[in-house]
């Protein structure tokens, strides 16, 4: 290679452009349930941010709410059954 005047190029300095940052793959995400009954629907935003994924996360959180409601309902039912059992046992003991 020569310059316009016919002299050889005496140096070469390549410029490496870092136009995009190097990102490591995500291993963990934010927990959608911050506390019992308190949910965070944007936990996936750090990975990908689109309307579709936000809607999907909303659907997942809605399912978590239903699951939590059913779990609490089962706990309440179990608690009522235990109270009834204790009352019945007390009545049997009182009759003796």
Protein backbone atom coordinates (compact mmCIF):
# COMPACT_ATOMS: atom_id res chain seq x y z
CA UNK A 1 0.00 0.00 0.00
CA UNK A 2 1.22 3.45 -0.76
CA UNK A 3 -0.03 6.94 -0.10
CA UNK A 4 -0.92 9.31 -2.95
CA UNK A 5 2.67 10.45 -3.31
CA UNK A 6 3.98 6.94 -3.82
CA UNK A 7 5.56 6.60 -0.35
CA UNK A 8 4.79 3.46 1.65
CA UNK A 9 2.55 3.73 4.71
CA UNK A 10 4.79 3.50 7.75
CA UNK A 11 2.12 3.03 10.40
CA UNK A 12 -1.28 1.42 10.87
CA UNK A 13 -3.59 2.12 13.83
CA UNK A 14 -6.85 0.15 13.83
CA UNK A 15 -9.75 1.81 15.65
CA UNK A 16 -12.01 -0.67 17.44
CA UNK A 17 -15.46 0.79 17.97
CA UNK A 18 -17.44 -0.38 21.00
CA UNK A 19 -20.82 0.63 19.67
CA UNK A 20 -22.79 -1.82 21.84
CA UNK A 21 -22.08 -2.76 25.45
CA UNK A 22 -21.27 -6.37 26.19
CA UNK A 23 -24.09 -7.83 28.28
CA UNK A 24 -24.02 -11.08 30.21
CA UNK A 25 -27.09 -13.33 30.14
CA UNK A 26 -29.57 -12.86 32.97
CA UNK A 27 -29.58 -15.59 35.56
CA UNK A 28 -32.10 -14.17 38.04
CA UNK A 29 -35.06 -11.85 37.83
CA UNK A 30 -36.98 -9.79 40.33
CA UNK A 31 -39.44 -11.77 42.41
CA UNK A 32 -43.00 -10.92 41.30
CA UNK A 33 -44.30 -11.21 44.88
CA UNK A 34 -42.62 -8.55 47.01
CA UNK A 35 -44.67 -9.42 50.09
CA UNK A 36 -47.72 -11.57 50.69
CA UNK A 37 -50.48 -10.02 48.59
CA UNK A 38 -48.17 -7.33 47.13
CA UNK A 39 -47.08 -8.02 43.54
CA UNK A 40 -44.63 -6.42 41.08
CA UNK A 41 -45.71 -6.79 37.46
CA UNK A 42 -42.57 -5.31 35.87
CA UNK A 43 -40.09 -7.94 37.03
CA UNK A 44 -39.32 -8.97 33.47
CA UNK A 45 -38.53 -5.42 32.29
CA UNK A 46 -34.82 -5.80 33.01
CA UNK A 47 -34.70 -8.68 30.52
CA UNK A 48 -37.06 -7.55 27.79
CA UNK A 49 -39.46 -4.65 27.60
CA UNK A 50 -42.38 -5.03 25.21
CA UNK A 51 -46.14 -4.74 25.53
CA UNK A 52 -46.50 -8.46 24.94
CA UNK A 53 -44.13 -9.48 27.72
CA UNK A 54 -45.73 -6.96 30.09
CA UNK A 55 -49.13 -8.46 29.30
CA UNK A 56 -47.72 -11.95 29.88
CA UNK A 57 -46.28 -10.87 33.23
CA UNK A 58 -49.64 -9.37 34.16
CA UNK A 59 -51.29 -12.69 33.32
CA UNK A 60 -48.73 -14.52 35.49
CA UNK A 61 -49.34 -12.15 38.40
CA UNK A 62 -53.11 -12.62 38.01
CA UNK A 63 -52.57 -16.38 38.31
CA UNK A 64 -50.42 -15.81 41.42
CA UNK A 65 -53.25 -13.76 42.95
CA UNK A 66 -55.77 -16.55 42.26
CA UNK A 67 -53.40 -19.17 43.69
CA UNK A 68 -52.81 -17.03 46.79
CA UNK A 69 -56.55 -16.52 47.26
CA UNK A 70 -57.22 -20.26 46.99
CA UNK A 71 -54.39 -20.99 49.42
CA UNK A 72 -55.75 -18.50 51.96
CA UNK A 73 -59.24 -19.90 51.51
CA UNK A 74 -57.93 -23.42 52.19
CA UNK A 75 -56.04 -22.19 55.27
CA UNK A 76 -59.18 -20.49 56.56
CA UNK A 77 -61.25 -23.62 55.95
CA UNK A 78 -58.65 -25.76 57.73
CA UNK A 79 -58.54 -23.28 60.60
CA UNK A 80 -62.34 -23.37 60.98
CA UNK A 81 -62.33 -27.17 60.94
CA UNK A 82 -59.66 -27.20 63.67
CA UNK A 83 -61.70 -24.80 65.82
CA UNK A 84 -64.82 -26.94 65.37
CA UNK A 85 -62.80 -30.03 66.33
CA UNK A 86 -61.49 -28.34 69.51
CA UNK A 87 -65.02 -27.22 70.47
CA UNK A 88 -66.38 -30.72 69.94
CA UNK A 89 -63.57 -32.21 72.04
CA UNK A 90 -64.30 -29.70 74.82
CA UNK A 91 -68.00 -30.62 74.74
CA UNK A 92 -67.16 -34.33 75.00
CA UNK A 93 -64.84 -33.69 77.95
CA UNK A 94 -67.49 -31.49 79.62
CA UNK A 95 -70.09 -34.27 79.33
CA UNK A 96 -67.83 -36.76 81.09
